[in-house]
Amino acid sequence: MKFAIKVLPKPEVLDTQGRAVAETFTRHGFDVKSCQVGRYIVLDVEGQNPEEAKANATAMVKKGLYNPLIENFEMEEIK
C-alpha cells in the first residue's frame, strides 16, 4: 500500500522558507498573502493488511519524518 504524507510547519511556527518564497513572488508583482514550505513523502508499505500498513506508516512518520514540536502531518492512501 502506498501512503502520501504532507508535512508542514505548524501555523504558530515561523516558516522562514515560506516567508522568503512569498516575499520573492511579491517583489515580482504577485499578490501573495502567505506561503508554507514543507515536504511531500510517499511510502510504499508491502505485505500487510490495510490497517497494519496504515499503522506502520504512521509509526514511521512519527519516528523520523516529522518533528511534532514544530510540524503537523497529514497522511492519505494513494494508488
N, C-alpha and C. Protein backbone atom coordinates (compact mmCIF):
# COMPACT_ATOMS: atom_id res chain seq x y z
N MET A 1 0.84 -1.18 0.00
CA MET A 1 0.00 0.00 0.00
C MET A 1 0.88 1.24 0.00
N LYS A 2 0.42 2.24 -0.68
CA LYS A 2 1.17 3.50 -0.74
C LYS A 2 0.43 4.56 0.06
N PHE A 3 1.22 5.36 0.74
CA PHE A 3 0.68 6.46 1.53
C PHE A 3 1.42 7.74 1.17
N ALA A 4 0.66 8.82 1.02
CA ALA A 4 1.24 10.14 0.77
C ALA A 4 1.22 10.91 2.08
N ILE A 5 2.35 11.46 2.43
CA ILE A 5 2.47 12.21 3.68
C ILE A 5 2.87 13.64 3.35
N LYS A 6 2.08 14.58 3.86
CA LYS A 6 2.37 16.00 3.70
C LYS A 6 2.78 16.54 5.06
N VAL A 7 3.97 17.12 5.14
CA VAL A 7 4.49 17.67 6.39
C VAL A 7 4.66 19.18 6.20
N LEU A 8 4.00 19.95 7.08
CA LEU A 8 4.09 21.41 7.02
C LEU A 8 4.37 21.98 8.41
N PRO A 9 4.98 23.16 8.45
CA PRO A 9 5.19 23.80 9.74
C PRO A 9 3.84 24.11 10.40
N LYS A 10 3.81 24.05 11.73
CA LYS A 10 2.61 24.46 12.45
C LYS A 10 2.37 25.95 12.19
N PRO A 11 1.11 26.38 12.19
CA PRO A 11 0.81 27.79 11.90
C PRO A 11 1.53 28.78 12.81
N GLU A 12 1.74 28.40 14.07
CA GLU A 12 2.36 29.33 15.02
C GLU A 12 3.89 29.37 14.91
N VAL A 13 4.47 28.51 14.08
CA VAL A 13 5.93 28.46 13.92
C VAL A 13 6.35 29.35 12.75
N LEU A 14 7.39 30.12 12.95
CA LEU A 14 7.91 30.97 11.89
C LEU A 14 8.48 30.11 10.77
N ASP A 15 7.91 30.23 9.58
CA ASP A 15 8.35 29.48 8.40
C ASP A 15 9.21 30.41 7.55
N THR A 16 10.52 30.41 7.79
CA THR A 16 11.39 31.33 7.08
C THR A 16 11.46 31.04 5.59
N GLN A 17 11.41 29.75 5.21
CA GLN A 17 11.42 29.43 3.78
C GLN A 17 10.14 29.92 3.12
N GLY A 18 9.01 29.69 3.76
CA GLY A 18 7.74 30.16 3.22
C GLY A 18 7.70 31.67 3.09
N ARG A 19 8.22 32.35 4.10
CA ARG A 19 8.26 33.81 4.05
C ARG A 19 9.14 34.29 2.89
N ALA A 20 10.29 33.65 2.69
CA ALA A 20 11.19 34.04 1.60
C ALA A 20 10.52 33.84 0.23
N VAL A 21 9.81 32.73 0.07
CA VAL A 21 9.11 32.47 -1.20
C VAL A 21 8.03 33.53 -1.42
N ALA A 22 7.23 33.81 -0.40
CA ALA A 22 6.17 34.81 -0.52
C ALA A 22 6.74 36.19 -0.86
N GLU A 23 7.83 36.57 -0.19
CA GLU A 23 8.44 37.88 -0.45
C GLU A 23 8.99 37.95 -1.87
N THR A 24 9.58 36.87 -2.34
CA THR A 24 10.11 36.85 -3.71
C THR A 24 9.00 37.06 -4.73
N PHE A 25 7.90 36.34 -4.56
CA PHE A 25 6.78 36.50 -5.51
C PHE A 25 6.16 37.88 -5.40
N THR A 26 6.08 38.43 -4.20
CA THR A 26 5.55 39.78 -4.02
C THR A 26 6.41 40.80 -4.76
N ARG A 27 7.74 40.63 -4.67
CA ARG A 27 8.64 41.54 -5.39
C ARG A 27 8.47 41.43 -6.91
N HIS A 28 8.02 40.27 -7.37
CA HIS A 28 7.80 40.08 -8.80
C HIS A 28 6.38 40.44 -9.24
N GLY A 29 5.64 41.09 -8.35
CA GLY A 29 4.34 41.62 -8.72
C GLY A 29 3.16 40.70 -8.44
N PHE A 30 3.38 39.57 -7.79
CA PHE A 30 2.27 38.67 -7.47
C PHE A 30 1.70 39.04 -6.11
N ASP A 31 0.40 38.86 -5.96
CA ASP A 31 -0.26 39.15 -4.69
C ASP A 31 -0.30 37.88 -3.86
N VAL A 32 0.68 37.71 -2.97
CA VAL A 32 0.79 36.51 -2.14
C VAL A 32 0.55 36.91 -0.69
N LYS A 33 -0.50 36.33 -0.11
CA LYS A 33 -0.80 36.61 1.30
C LYS A 33 0.17 35.86 2.21
N SER A 34 0.39 34.58 1.93
CA SER A 34 1.33 33.80 2.72
C SER A 34 1.74 32.56 1.93
N CYS A 35 2.76 31.88 2.42
CA CYS A 35 3.26 30.67 1.76
C CYS A 35 3.85 29.77 2.84
N GLN A 36 3.62 28.47 2.71
CA GLN A 36 4.25 27.49 3.59
C GLN A 36 5.08 26.55 2.73
N VAL A 37 6.26 26.23 3.21
CA VAL A 37 7.13 25.28 2.53
C VAL A 37 7.26 24.05 3.42
N GLY A 38 7.03 22.88 2.82
CA GLY A 38 7.08 21.65 3.58
C GLY A 38 7.66 20.52 2.75
N ARG A 39 7.24 19.30 3.09
CA ARG A 39 7.73 18.11 2.38
C ARG A 39 6.56 17.23 1.99
N TYR A 40 6.74 16.50 0.89
CA TYR A 40 5.76 15.52 0.41
C TYR A 40 6.50 14.20 0.28
N ILE A 41 6.05 13.19 1.01
CA ILE A 41 6.74 11.90 1.06
C ILE A 41 5.76 10.81 0.67
N VAL A 42 6.22 9.85 -0.13
CA VAL A 42 5.40 8.69 -0.48
C VAL A 42 6.07 7.46 0.09
N LEU A 43 5.34 6.72 0.92
CA LEU A 43 5.82 5.47 1.50
C LEU A 43 5.06 4.32 0.84
N ASP A 44 5.77 3.31 0.40
CA ASP A 44 5.16 2.09 -0.15
C ASP A 44 5.40 0.97 0.86
N VAL A 45 4.34 0.57 1.55
CA VAL A 45 4.44 -0.44 2.60
C VAL A 45 3.82 -1.72 2.04
N GLU A 46 4.62 -2.78 1.95
CA GLU A 46 4.16 -4.02 1.31
C GLU A 46 3.88 -5.13 2.30
N GLY A 47 3.06 -6.11 1.83
CA GLY A 47 2.87 -7.36 2.52
C GLY A 47 2.09 -7.31 3.82
N GLN A 48 1.18 -6.35 3.96
CA GLN A 48 0.43 -6.24 5.20
C GLN A 48 -1.04 -5.95 4.90
N ASN A 49 -1.91 -6.24 5.86
CA ASN A 49 -3.31 -5.86 5.66
C ASN A 49 -3.42 -4.35 5.78
N PRO A 50 -4.50 -3.75 5.27
CA PRO A 50 -4.59 -2.29 5.23
C PRO A 50 -4.44 -1.59 6.58
N GLU A 51 -5.05 -2.14 7.62
CA GLU A 51 -4.97 -1.50 8.94
C GLU A 51 -3.53 -1.53 9.48
N GLU A 52 -2.88 -2.67 9.30
CA GLU A 52 -1.50 -2.82 9.76
C GLU A 52 -0.56 -1.92 8.96
N ALA A 53 -0.78 -1.84 7.66
CA ALA A 53 0.05 -0.99 6.81
C ALA A 53 -0.07 0.46 7.23
N LYS A 54 -1.30 0.91 7.46
CA LYS A 54 -1.50 2.31 7.87
C LYS A 54 -0.87 2.58 9.23
N ALA A 55 -1.01 1.64 10.17
CA ALA A 55 -0.40 1.80 11.49
C ALA A 55 1.12 1.87 11.38
N ASN A 56 1.70 1.01 10.54
CA ASN A 56 3.16 1.03 10.37
C ASN A 56 3.62 2.31 9.69
N ALA A 57 2.89 2.78 8.69
CA ALA A 57 3.26 4.03 8.01
C ALA A 57 3.19 5.19 8.98
N THR A 58 2.15 5.22 9.81
CA THR A 58 2.03 6.28 10.82
C THR A 58 3.19 6.23 11.81
N ALA A 59 3.55 5.03 12.23
CA ALA A 59 4.68 4.88 13.15
C ALA A 59 5.97 5.38 12.52
N MET A 60 6.18 5.09 11.22
CA MET A 60 7.39 5.56 10.53
C MET A 60 7.43 7.07 10.48
N VAL A 61 6.28 7.69 10.18
CA VAL A 61 6.22 9.15 10.13
C VAL A 61 6.59 9.73 11.49
N LYS A 62 6.00 9.16 12.53
CA LYS A 62 6.26 9.68 13.88
C LYS A 62 7.68 9.42 14.36
N LYS A 63 8.31 8.37 13.87
CA LYS A 63 9.69 8.04 14.27
C LYS A 63 10.73 8.95 13.63
N GLY A 64 10.47 9.43 12.40
CA GLY A 64 11.56 10.16 11.78
C GLY A 64 11.24 11.09 10.63
N LEU A 65 9.96 11.26 10.28
CA LEU A 65 9.67 12.11 9.13
C LEU A 65 9.12 13.48 9.49
N TYR A 66 8.79 13.67 10.76
CA TYR A 66 8.32 15.00 11.15
C TYR A 66 8.69 15.27 12.60
N ASN A 67 8.72 16.55 12.94
CA ASN A 67 9.04 16.98 14.30
C ASN A 67 7.74 17.49 14.92
N PRO A 68 7.15 16.76 15.87
CA PRO A 68 5.86 17.14 16.43
C PRO A 68 5.85 18.49 17.17
N LEU A 69 7.01 18.99 17.52
CA LEU A 69 7.07 20.28 18.20
C LEU A 69 6.79 21.44 17.25
N ILE A 70 7.20 21.28 15.98
CA ILE A 70 7.08 22.41 15.04
C ILE A 70 6.33 22.09 13.76
N GLU A 71 5.93 20.81 13.57
CA GLU A 71 5.29 20.43 12.32
C GLU A 71 4.02 19.61 12.56
N ASN A 72 3.13 19.66 11.57
CA ASN A 72 1.96 18.79 11.50
C ASN A 72 2.10 17.91 10.27
N PHE A 73 1.43 16.76 10.29
CA PHE A 73 1.44 15.93 9.09
C PHE A 73 0.03 15.44 8.78
N GLU A 74 -0.19 15.20 7.50
CA GLU A 74 -1.42 14.58 7.01
C GLU A 74 -1.01 13.38 6.18
N MET A 75 -1.78 12.30 6.28
CA MET A 75 -1.45 11.09 5.53
C MET A 75 -2.70 10.56 4.85
N GLU A 76 -2.53 10.14 3.60
CA GLU A 76 -3.65 9.52 2.89
C GLU A 76 -3.14 8.37 2.05
N GLU A 77 -4.00 7.40 1.85
CA GLU A 77 -3.65 6.26 0.99
C GLU A 77 -3.77 6.69 -0.46
N ILE A 78 -2.80 6.30 -1.26
CA ILE A 78 -2.83 6.59 -2.70
C ILE A 78 -2.70 5.29 -3.47
N LYS A 79 -3.07 5.33 -4.73
CA LYS A 79 -3.00 4.14 -5.58
C LYS A 79 -1.84 4.21 -6.53
